[in-house]
C-alpha atoms as a PDB file:
ATOM      1  CA  UNK A   1    -221.614 -16.507 -85.028  1.00  0.00           C
ATOM      2  CA  UNK A   2    -223.694 -19.485 -85.600  1.00  0.00           C
ATOM      3  CA  UNK A   3    -222.467 -22.974 -84.971  1.00  0.00           C
ATOM      4  CA  UNK A   4    -223.428 -23.962 -88.556  1.00  0.00           C
ATOM      5  CA  UNK A   5    -220.494 -22.103 -90.126  1.00  0.00           C
ATOM      6  CA  UNK A   6    -216.908 -23.162 -90.673  1.00  0.00           C
ATOM      7  CA  UNK A   7    -214.368 -20.741 -89.234  1.00  0.00           C
ATOM      8  CA  UNK A   8    -210.982 -20.297 -90.957  1.00  0.00           C
ATOM      9  CA  UNK A   9    -207.836 -18.426 -90.014  1.00  0.00           C
ATOM     10  CA  UNK A  10    -205.942 -16.010 -92.265  1.00  0.00           C
ATOM     11  CA  UNK A  11    -203.898 -18.872 -93.741  1.00  0.00           C
ATOM     12  CA  UNK A  12    -207.000 -20.826 -94.747  1.00  0.00           C
ATOM     13  CA  UNK A  13    -206.705 -23.376 -91.958  1.00  0.00           C
ATOM     14  CA  UNK A  14    -209.996 -24.455 -90.468  1.00  0.00           C
ATOM     15  CA  UNK A  15    -210.360 -23.401 -86.860  1.00  0.00           C
ATOM     16  CA  UNK A  16    -213.784 -24.891 -86.237  1.00  0.00           C
ATOM     17  CA  UNK A  17    -216.025 -26.985 -88.417  1.00  0.00           C
ATOM     18  CA  UNK A  18    -219.726 -26.381 -88.606  1.00  0.00           C
ATOM     19  CA  UNK A  19    -221.550 -28.121 -85.797  1.00  0.00           C
ATOM     20  CA  UNK A  20    -218.344 -28.841 -83.898  1.00  0.00           C
ATOM     21  CA  UNK A  21    -218.811 -28.410 -80.147  1.00  0.00           C
ATOM     22  CA  UNK A  22    -215.229 -29.321 -79.278  1.00  0.00           C
ATOM     23  CA  UNK A  23    -213.881 -27.606 -76.181  1.00  0.00           C
ATOM     24  CA  UNK A  24    -210.183 -26.839 -76.422  1.00  0.00           C
ATOM     25  CA  UNK A  25    -207.869 -28.211 -73.750  1.00  0.00           C
ATOM     26  CA  UNK A  26    -205.195 -26.133 -72.069  1.00  0.00           C
ATOM     27  CA  UNK A  27    -202.539 -28.122 -73.934  1.00  0.00           C
ATOM     28  CA  UNK A  28    -204.157 -27.325 -77.289  1.00  0.00           C
ATOM     29  CA  UNK A  29    -204.360 -23.608 -76.460  1.00  0.00           C
ATOM     30  CA  UNK A  30    -200.744 -23.575 -75.219  1.00  0.00           C
ATOM     31  CA  UNK A  31    -199.635 -25.147 -78.507  1.00  0.00           C
ATOM     32  CA  UNK A  32    -201.706 -22.595 -80.415  1.00  0.00           C
ATOM     33  CA  UNK A  33    -200.069 -19.755 -78.464  1.00  0.00           C
ATOM     34  CA  UNK A  34    -196.622 -21.209 -79.229  1.00  0.00           C
ATOM     35  CA  UNK A  35    -197.432 -21.556 -82.938  1.00  0.00           C
ATOM     36  CA  UNK A  36    -198.851 -18.030 -83.143  1.00  0.00           C
ATOM     37  CA  UNK A  37    -195.861 -16.612 -81.261  1.00  0.00           C
ATOM     38  CA  UNK A  38    -193.598 -18.161 -83.907  1.00  0.00           C
ATOM     39  CA  UNK A  39    -195.756 -16.748 -86.719  1.00  0.00           C
ATOM     40  CA  UNK A  40    -195.597 -13.262 -85.171  1.00  0.00           C
ATOM     41  CA  UNK A  41    -191.829 -13.579 -84.808  1.00  0.00           C
ATOM     42  CA  UNK A  42    -191.477 -14.585 -88.475  1.00  0.00           C
ATOM     43  CA  UNK A  43    -193.960 -11.965 -89.714  1.00  0.00           C
ATOM     44  CA  UNK A  44    -193.727  -8.965 -87.370  1.00  0.00           C
ATOM     45  CA  UNK A  45    -195.603  -6.703 -89.799  1.00  0.00           C
ATOM     46  CA  UNK A  46    -198.685  -8.959 -89.924  1.00  0.00           C
ATOM     47  CA  UNK A  47    -201.210  -7.402 -87.546  1.00  0.00           C
ATOM     48  CA  UNK A  48    -203.710 -10.273 -87.951  1.00  0.00           C
ATOM     49  CA  UNK A  49    -201.283 -12.758 -86.385  1.00  0.00           C
ATOM     50  CA  UNK A  50    -200.814 -10.352 -83.490  1.00  0.00           C
ATOM     51  CA  UNK A  51    -204.581 -10.197 -82.940  1.00  0.00           C
ATOM     52  CA  UNK A  52    -204.798 -14.002 -83.096  1.00  0.00           C
ATOM     53  CA  UNK A  53    -201.970 -14.285 -80.575  1.00  0.00           C
ATOM     54  CA  UNK A  54    -203.543 -11.763 -78.186  1.00  0.00           C
ATOM     55  CA  UNK A  55    -206.883 -13.586 -78.372  1.00  0.00           C
ATOM     56  CA  UNK A  56    -205.283 -16.999 -77.807  1.00  0.00           C
ATOM     57  CA  UNK A  57    -203.279 -15.672 -74.845  1.00  0.00           C
ATOM     58  CA  UNK A  58    -206.375 -14.080 -73.319  1.00  0.00           C
ATOM     59  CA  UNK A  59    -208.283 -17.351 -73.730  1.00  0.00           C
ATOM     60  CA  UNK A  60    -205.423 -19.305 -72.151  1.00  0.00           C
ATOM     61  CA  UNK A  61    -205.229 -16.926 -69.180  1.00  0.00           C
ATOM     62  CA  UNK A  62    -208.989 -17.249 -68.769  1.00  0.00           C
ATOM     63  CA  UNK A  63    -208.636 -21.034 -68.695  1.00  0.00           C
ATOM     64  CA  UNK A  64    -205.871 -20.748 -66.070  1.00  0.00           C
ATOM     65  CA  UNK A  65    -208.005 -18.409 -63.952  1.00  0.00           C
ATOM     66  CA  UNK A  66    -210.910 -20.835 -63.937  1.00  0.00           C
ATOM     67  CA  UNK A  67    -208.872 -23.855 -62.901  1.00  0.00           C
ATOM     68  CA  UNK A  68    -209.333 -25.259 -59.432  1.00  0.00           C
ATOM     69  CA  UNK A  69    -206.465 -24.871 -56.973  1.00  0.00           C
ATOM     70  CA  UNK A  70    -205.746 -28.598 -57.134  1.00  0.00           C
ATOM     71  CA  UNK A  71    -205.642 -28.593 -60.946  1.00  0.00           C
ATOM     72  CA  UNK A  72    -203.393 -25.548 -60.937  1.00  0.00           C
ATOM     73  CA  UNK A  73    -200.973 -27.129 -58.422  1.00  0.00           C
ATOM     74  CA  UNK A  74    -200.881 -30.336 -60.462  1.00  0.00           C
ATOM     75  CA  UNK A  75    -200.241 -28.340 -63.635  1.00  0.00           C
ATOM     76  CA  UNK A  76    -197.447 -26.346 -61.995  1.00  0.00           C
ATOM     77  CA  UNK A  77    -195.746 -29.492 -60.702  1.00  0.00           C
ATOM     78  CA  UNK A  78    -195.868 -31.032 -64.190  1.00  0.00           C
ATOM     79  CA  UNK A  79    -194.401 -27.842 -65.655  1.00  0.00           C
ATOM     80  CA  UNK A  80    -191.642 -27.809 -63.027  1.00  0.00           C
ATOM     81  CA  UNK A  81    -190.772 -31.424 -63.837  1.00  0.00           C
ATOM     82  CA  UNK A  82    -190.626 -30.550 -67.541  1.00  0.00           C
ATOM     83  CA  UNK A  83    -188.309 -27.639 -66.803  1.00  0.00           C
ATOM     84  CA  UNK A  84    -186.050 -29.832 -64.658  1.00  0.00           C
ATOM     85  CA  UNK A  85    -185.938 -32.520 -67.358  1.00  0.00           C
ATOM     86  CA  UNK A  86    -185.070 -29.921 -70.001  1.00  0.00           C
ATOM     87  CA  UNK A  87    -182.304 -28.482 -67.820  1.00  0.00           C
ATOM     88  CA  UNK A  88    -180.867 -31.960 -67.178  1.00  0.00           C
ATOM     89  CA  UNK A  89    -180.952 -32.804 -70.877  1.00  0.00           C
ATOM     90  CA  UNK A  90    -179.388 -29.443 -71.744  1.00  0.00           C
ATOM     91  CA  UNK A  91    -176.639 -30.058 -69.189  1.00  0.00           C
ATOM     92  CA  UNK A  92    -175.906 -33.459 -70.764  1.00  0.00           C
ATOM     93  CA  UNK A  93    -175.762 -31.911 -74.224  1.00  0.00           C
ATOM     94  CA  UNK A  94    -173.506 -29.082 -73.064  1.00  0.00           C
ATOM     95  CA  UNK A  95    -171.210 -31.530 -71.241  1.00  0.00           C
ATOM     96  CA  UNK A  96    -170.949 -33.694 -74.366  1.00  0.00           C
ATOM     97  CA  UNK A  97    -170.060 -30.631 -76.443  1.00  0.00           C
ATOM     98  CA  UNK A  98    -167.476 -29.477 -73.923  1.00  0.00           C
ATOM     99  CA  UNK A  99    -165.971 -32.976 -73.747  1.00  0.00           C
ATOM    100  CA  UNK A 100    -165.713 -33.073 -77.545  1.00  0.00           C
ATOM    101  CA  UNK A 101    -164.016 -29.658 -77.574  1.00  0.00           C
ATOM    102  CA  UNK A 102    -161.583 -30.730 -74.835  1.00  0.00           C
ATOM    103  CA  UNK A 103    -160.723 -33.903 -76.750  1.00  0.00           C
ATOM    104  CA  UNK A 104    -160.155 -31.933 -79.960  1.00  0.00           C
ATOM    105  CA  UNK A 105    -157.897 -29.507 -78.077  1.00  0.00           C
ATOM    106  CA  UNK A 106    -155.861 -32.407 -76.657  1.00  0.00           C
ATOM    107  CA  UNK A 107    -155.458 -33.847 -80.165  1.00  0.00           C
ATOM    108  CA  UNK A 108    -154.327 -30.480 -81.504  1.00  0.00           C
ATOM    109  CA  UNK A 109    -151.885 -30.092 -78.630  1.00  0.00           C
ATOM    110  CA  UNK A 110    -150.450 -33.550 -79.260  1.00  0.00           C
ATOM    111  CA  UNK A 111    -150.063 -32.792 -82.972  1.00  0.00           C
ATOM    112  CA  UNK A 112    -148.414 -29.479 -82.163  1.00  0.00           C
ATOM    113  CA  UNK A 113    -146.047 -31.124 -79.699  1.00  0.00           C
ATOM    114  CA  UNK A 114    -145.094 -33.762 -82.285  1.00  0.00           C
ATOM    115  CA  UNK A 115    -144.391 -31.108 -84.925  1.00  0.00           C
ATOM    116  CA  UNK A 116    -142.193 -29.095 -82.567  1.00  0.00           C
ATOM    117  CA  UNK A 117    -139.867 -31.885 -81.479  1.00  0.00           C
ATOM    118  CA  UNK A 118    -136.684 -30.552 -83.063  1.00  0.00           C
ATOM    119  CA  UNK A 119    -133.072 -31.023 -81.981  1.00  0.00           C
ATOM    120  CA  UNK A 120    -131.572 -27.705 -80.967  1.00  0.00           C
ATOM    121  CA  UNK A 121    -128.509 -26.677 -82.981  1.00  0.00           C
ATOM    122  CA  UNK A 122    -126.273 -23.688 -82.685  1.00  0.00           C
ATOM    123  CA  UNK A 123    -124.827 -22.361 -85.910  1.00  0.00           C
ATOM    124  CA  UNK A 124    -121.346 -20.825 -85.820  1.00  0.00           C
ATOM    125  CA  UNK A 125    -120.004 -18.600 -88.575  1.00  0.00           C
ATOM    126  CA  UNK A 126    -118.265 -20.390 -91.404  1.00  0.00           C
ATOM    127  CA  UNK A 127    -114.518 -20.054 -91.336  1.00  0.00           C
ATOM    128  CA  UNK A 128    -113.299 -20.647 -94.826  1.00  0.00           C
ATOM    129  CA  UNK A 129    -114.939 -23.563 -96.507  1.00  0.00           C
ATOM    130  CA  UNK A 130    -115.528 -25.567 -93.315  1.00  0.00           C
ATOM    131  CA  UNK A 131    -118.894 -25.703 -91.597  1.00  0.00           C
ATOM    132  CA  UNK A 132    -118.611 -25.388 -87.841  1.00  0.00           C
ATOM    133  CA  UNK A 133    -121.891 -26.601 -86.450  1.00  0.00           C
ATOM    134  CA  UNK A 134    -121.928 -27.929 -82.903  1.00  0.00           C
ATOM    135  CA  UNK A 135    -124.790 -29.697 -81.268  1.00  0.00           C
ATOM    136  CA  UNK A 136    -125.760 -28.063 -78.026  1.00  0.00           C
ATOM    137  CA  UNK A 137    -126.010 -31.351 -76.207  1.00  0.00           C
ATOM    138  CA  UNK A 138    -122.700 -32.868 -77.239  1.00  0.00           C
ATOM    139  CA  UNK A 139    -119.241 -31.935 -76.020  1.00  0.00           C
ATOM    140  CA  UNK A 140    -117.579 -34.309 -78.495  1.00  0.00           C
ATOM    141  CA  UNK A 141    -115.642 -32.784 -81.386  1.00  0.00           C
ATOM    142  CA  UNK A 142    -117.185 -33.531 -84.735  1.00  0.00           C
ATOM    143  CA  UNK A 143    -115.268 -34.624 -87.782  1.00  0.00           C
ATOM    144  CA  UNK A 144    -115.528 -32.785 -91.066  1.00  0.00           C
ATOM    145  CA  UNK A 145    -115.996 -34.445 -94.398  1.00  0.00           C
ATOM    146  CA  UNK A 146    -112.233 -35.118 -94.528  1.00  0.00           C
ATOM    147  CA  UNK A 147    -112.424 -37.227 -91.405  1.00  0.00           C
ATOM    148  CA  UNK A 148    -110.278 -35.013 -89.192  1.00  0.00           C
ATOM    149  CA  UNK A 149    -111.530 -33.823 -85.811  1.00  0.00           C
ATOM    150  CA  UNK A 150    -112.832 -30.327 -85.731  1.00  0.00           C
ATOM    151  CA  UNK A 151    -110.298 -27.671 -84.923  1.00  0.00           C
ATOM    152  CA  UNK A 152    -107.357 -30.022 -85.601  1.00  0.00           C
ATOM    153  CA  UNK A 153    -105.395 -29.139 -88.676  1.00  0.00           C
ATOM    154  CA  UNK A 154    -103.337 -31.622 -90.530  1.00  0.00           C
END
């Protein structure tokens, strides 16, 4: 191809303008590979995106292979730092989510405990028209609606 021609991708985006002698950086190619990977994931039947992705990956690997040892070590240390930062940030996010879940569980438990605070009663069969209900915690005889102690007949 001649350098006097614009080059476009399948989506109509300009890849290179006529007369442009721009050399792509590793960061630009890595971003391109990421973008194309996403396009292939979203459109698995599109063979053109797959070709673009393969070409971009091959170009990126070629750039990696032609880096000096010092540049490669520097690049790897930067990548390792990025990975560590991402893991730390992910750990913070996960901890915040777990703390929120634990707090919600404590609130639910407290609400449940409050709803279940009932006094225990034992119900005894009715004898006649009198209700004979005794509290489990009290040994005191109760009076009926007439005012007489339970079990005492007048």
